[in-house]
Amino acid sequence: MNNKPWAALVERGGKCGFVDKVKNMMDSGASAVIVGDYQKGPLITMYSDREDTSDIIIPSVFITQTHYRELRYLGMELEQGFLIKITSDEEDLPVLDAIVFLIVSPLLVFPFLFFLWWMQLRQMRLADLAPPEVVNNLPIKVFFKSKLKDNDPVECVICLDEYEDEDELRVLPCRHEYHAACIDNWLTTRKKF
C-alpha cells in the first residue's frame, strides 16, 4: 500500500474473532477496519474473549452482508480506491439534543399558554360586565335636595361630587344611587352589579 491512510475490509468468520481481525489489520498498517458479515442477518455487537482491548487504537465497525458486498465490489472496480469518511460518535450528542428539546419546547409552549390564559381572563372580564341594555333599563331617579331623607347620600361615591338638584341618579337593585353617567360607565366597562 502507499503512504495514504487506508481501511481494511475483512469478512467475518474463520478462526479469528473480531478483536484479532482488527489487531492484525492494525499491525498491518490499516487506519480503520470494516468487518462485513458473510451471511444475511441483523447487525451484531462485536465482542472479545479477552478483557483488555486497550491496545487497539483504530476505529472498527461491523456492517451487514449487503453493505460488505457493495464495498468489496467498489474496491475491486476502482483501481485507485475510494474515500471512506470516519466520523466519531462524539459528534452525535443525544444528551445535547435532549437539552435543546427541553429548553426549546417550553419556549414554544409558554407563549401559547400565556395567550390561552389571556383569552380566558378577557372572557371572564367580559362576562363580568353588565350589558348596556340591562344598565339602561335600571331606574333613574331625579335628585332634589328638598326630597332628601335622613339617611340618603348627598354625594356620588364614584366621582365624589355632591348631588345637585335635577341630577340623574341610577338606582341599582341593591338600592344604592350614583350619578347615572358615573355608574353606567363603571358597569359597562369594569364590573356588573
Foldseek 3Di string as FASTA:
>chain_A
DDPDAAEAEEEPDDPDAPLRVQVVVVVVRHQEYEYEYPDADDDDDRDDPDDDSVVRDHYYYYDYNVVSVVQVVQPVVDVVHDDDDDDDCVVVDVVVVVVCCVVVVCVVVVVVVVVVVVVVVVVVFQVFADDLVVLVPFDKDFDDPVPDDDPADQAAPQVRHGDDGRFIWGQDPVRDTHRSVRVSCCRHRGGND
